[in-house]
């Protein structure tokens, strides 16, 4: 039986005045690192209207691809920069339902 893709959801709490800098850092990392990693399928950045929360939702083809991303030195180098701007809570799981019109 094929393995389900891995979904990673990061909830970042940020001071509203730092939200723009955080989004710029996340976009840069997605554009220069994440999109070039094997097994990456998609990433979304979602911002709360109050400016205090940014959510990253990304999907990886396999658990191995997800683990390789976490171990990538370029990703590890970005984590401290993110933590300078925001606190992070992560959820790792699999999609059980996805609907569209």
C-alpha atoms as a PDB file:
ATOM      1  CA  UNK A   1       0.000   0.000   0.000  1.00  0.00           C
ATOM      2  CA  UNK A   2       1.471   3.404  -0.951  1.00  0.00           C
ATOM      3  CA  UNK A   3       2.300   5.806   1.836  1.00  0.00           C
ATOM      4  CA  UNK A   4       0.282   8.968   2.235  1.00  0.00           C
ATOM      5  CA  UNK A   5       2.032  12.285   1.722  1.00  0.00           C
ATOM      6  CA  UNK A   6       3.239  14.035   4.868  1.00  0.00           C
ATOM      7  CA  UNK A   7       1.597  17.336   5.780  1.00  0.00           C
ATOM      8  CA  UNK A   8       3.510  19.816   7.929  1.00  0.00           C
ATOM      9  CA  UNK A   9       1.673  22.702   9.532  1.00  0.00           C
ATOM     10  CA  UNK A  10       3.721  25.353  11.325  1.00  0.00           C
ATOM     11  CA  UNK A  11       1.892  27.973  13.349  1.00  0.00           C
ATOM     12  CA  UNK A  12       4.144  30.971  13.899  1.00  0.00           C
ATOM     13  CA  UNK A  13       3.262  33.618  16.478  1.00  0.00           C
ATOM     14  CA  UNK A  14       4.809  36.949  15.581  1.00  0.00           C
ATOM     15  CA  UNK A  15       4.579  40.562  16.676  1.00  0.00           C
ATOM     16  CA  UNK A  16       2.483  42.300  13.997  1.00  0.00           C
ATOM     17  CA  UNK A  17       5.292  44.759  13.243  1.00  0.00           C
ATOM     18  CA  UNK A  18       7.575  41.771  12.406  1.00  0.00           C
ATOM     19  CA  UNK A  19       5.063  39.916  10.229  1.00  0.00           C
ATOM     20  CA  UNK A  20       6.284  41.438   6.957  1.00  0.00           C
ATOM     21  CA  UNK A  21       9.907  40.482   7.678  1.00  0.00           C
ATOM     22  CA  UNK A  22       8.850  36.953   8.635  1.00  0.00           C
ATOM     23  CA  UNK A  23       6.832  36.500   5.437  1.00  0.00           C
ATOM     24  CA  UNK A  24       9.753  37.774   3.343  1.00  0.00           C
ATOM     25  CA  UNK A  25      12.116  35.289   5.046  1.00  0.00           C
ATOM     26  CA  UNK A  26       9.686  32.398   4.557  1.00  0.00           C
ATOM     27  CA  UNK A  27       9.099  33.272   0.883  1.00  0.00           C
ATOM     28  CA  UNK A  28      12.832  33.490   0.269  1.00  0.00           C
ATOM     29  CA  UNK A  29      13.393  30.094   1.895  1.00  0.00           C
ATOM     30  CA  UNK A  30      10.596  28.497  -0.129  1.00  0.00           C
ATOM     31  CA  UNK A  31      11.878  30.041  -3.379  1.00  0.00           C
ATOM     32  CA  UNK A  32      15.558  29.220  -2.883  1.00  0.00           C
ATOM     33  CA  UNK A  33      15.573  26.005  -0.834  1.00  0.00           C
ATOM     34  CA  UNK A  34      12.255  24.226  -0.339  1.00  0.00           C
ATOM     35  CA  UNK A  35      11.100  24.176  -3.961  1.00  0.00           C
ATOM     36  CA  UNK A  36      14.384  22.469  -4.923  1.00  0.00           C
ATOM     37  CA  UNK A  37      14.155  19.641  -2.391  1.00  0.00           C
ATOM     38  CA  UNK A  38      13.217  16.152  -3.548  1.00  0.00           C
ATOM     39  CA  UNK A  39       9.702  15.159  -2.585  1.00  0.00           C
ATOM     40  CA  UNK A  40       8.312  18.659  -2.014  1.00  0.00           C
ATOM     41  CA  UNK A  41       4.770  18.999  -3.354  1.00  0.00           C
ATOM     42  CA  UNK A  42       3.389  22.345  -2.173  1.00  0.00           C
ATOM     43  CA  UNK A  43       3.610  25.118   0.419  1.00  0.00           C
ATOM     44  CA  UNK A  44       1.101  27.761   1.454  1.00  0.00           C
ATOM     45  CA  UNK A  45       1.572  30.800   3.656  1.00  0.00           C
ATOM     46  CA  UNK A  46      -1.553  31.964   5.443  1.00  0.00           C
ATOM     47  CA  UNK A  47      -1.618  35.192   7.449  1.00  0.00           C
ATOM     48  CA  UNK A  48      -4.077  36.128  10.174  1.00  0.00           C
ATOM     49  CA  UNK A  49      -5.881  39.426   9.757  1.00  0.00           C
ATOM     50  CA  UNK A  50      -4.517  40.669  13.097  1.00  0.00           C
ATOM     51  CA  UNK A  51      -0.911  40.221  11.921  1.00  0.00           C
ATOM     52  CA  UNK A  52       0.021  38.054  14.908  1.00  0.00           C
ATOM     53  CA  UNK A  53      -0.025  34.611  13.253  1.00  0.00           C
ATOM     54  CA  UNK A  54       1.442  33.105  10.103  1.00  0.00           C
ATOM     55  CA  UNK A  55       0.664  29.517   9.144  1.00  0.00           C
ATOM     56  CA  UNK A  56       2.812  27.454   6.809  1.00  0.00           C
ATOM     57  CA  UNK A  57       1.138  24.404   5.324  1.00  0.00           C
ATOM     58  CA  UNK A  58       3.418  22.195   3.248  1.00  0.00           C
ATOM     59  CA  UNK A  59       3.150  18.743   1.772  1.00  0.00           C
ATOM     60  CA  UNK A  60       5.867  16.174   1.121  1.00  0.00           C
ATOM     61  CA  UNK A  61       5.552  13.059  -1.058  1.00  0.00           C
ATOM     62  CA  UNK A  62       6.873  10.619   1.560  1.00  0.00           C
ATOM     63  CA  UNK A  63       8.019  10.489   5.171  1.00  0.00           C
ATOM     64  CA  UNK A  64      11.598  10.077   3.861  1.00  0.00           C
ATOM     65  CA  UNK A  65      11.320  13.296   1.828  1.00  0.00           C
ATOM     66  CA  UNK A  66       9.987  15.100   4.900  1.00  0.00           C
ATOM     67  CA  UNK A  67      12.863  13.841   7.077  1.00  0.00           C
ATOM     68  CA  UNK A  68      15.412  14.780   4.398  1.00  0.00           C
ATOM     69  CA  UNK A  69      14.006  18.325   4.384  1.00  0.00           C
ATOM     70  CA  UNK A  70      14.365  18.577   8.166  1.00  0.00           C
ATOM     71  CA  UNK A  71      17.968  17.345   7.953  1.00  0.00           C
ATOM     72  CA  UNK A  72      18.970  19.622   5.066  1.00  0.00           C
ATOM     73  CA  UNK A  73      21.736  22.031   6.217  1.00  0.00           C
ATOM     74  CA  UNK A  74      20.093  24.956   4.384  1.00  0.00           C
ATOM     75  CA  UNK A  75      16.853  24.371   6.287  1.00  0.00           C
ATOM     76  CA  UNK A  76      18.708  24.038   9.574  1.00  0.00           C
ATOM     77  CA  UNK A  77      20.424  27.366   8.841  1.00  0.00           C
ATOM     78  CA  UNK A  78      17.049  29.077   8.355  1.00  0.00           C
ATOM     79  CA  UNK A  79      15.427  27.870  11.592  1.00  0.00           C
ATOM     80  CA  UNK A  80      17.337  30.259  13.926  1.00  0.00           C
ATOM     81  CA  UNK A  81      16.420  33.211  11.673  1.00  0.00           C
ATOM     82  CA  UNK A  82      12.749  32.259  11.914  1.00  0.00           C
ATOM     83  CA  UNK A  83      12.979  31.885  15.692  1.00  0.00           C
ATOM     84  CA  UNK A  84      14.416  35.422  15.946  1.00  0.00           C
ATOM     85  CA  UNK A  85      11.104  36.686  14.553  1.00  0.00           C
ATOM     86  CA  UNK A  86       8.495  34.239  15.834  1.00  0.00           C
ATOM     87  CA  UNK A  87       7.672  31.282  18.047  1.00  0.00           C
ATOM     88  CA  UNK A  88       6.773  28.060  16.232  1.00  0.00           C
ATOM     89  CA  UNK A  89       4.374  25.213  16.959  1.00  0.00           C
ATOM     90  CA  UNK A  90       4.373  22.313  14.483  1.00  0.00           C
ATOM     91  CA  UNK A  91       1.944  19.570  13.559  1.00  0.00           C
ATOM     92  CA  UNK A  92       2.951  16.659  11.324  1.00  0.00           C
ATOM     93  CA  UNK A  93       0.277  14.408   9.869  1.00  0.00           C
ATOM     94  CA  UNK A  94      -1.533  13.153   6.790  1.00  0.00           C
ATOM     95  CA  UNK A  95      -4.557  14.430   4.901  1.00  0.00           C
ATOM     96  CA  UNK A  96      -7.679  12.366   5.569  1.00  0.00           C
ATOM     97  CA  UNK A  97     -10.122  14.619   3.705  1.00  0.00           C
ATOM     98  CA  UNK A  98      -9.704  17.314   1.087  1.00  0.00           C
ATOM     99  CA  UNK A  99     -12.704  18.697  -0.769  1.00  0.00           C
ATOM    100  CA  UNK A 100     -13.129  21.266  -3.490  1.00  0.00           C
ATOM    101  CA  UNK A 101     -16.214  22.450  -5.343  1.00  0.00           C
END
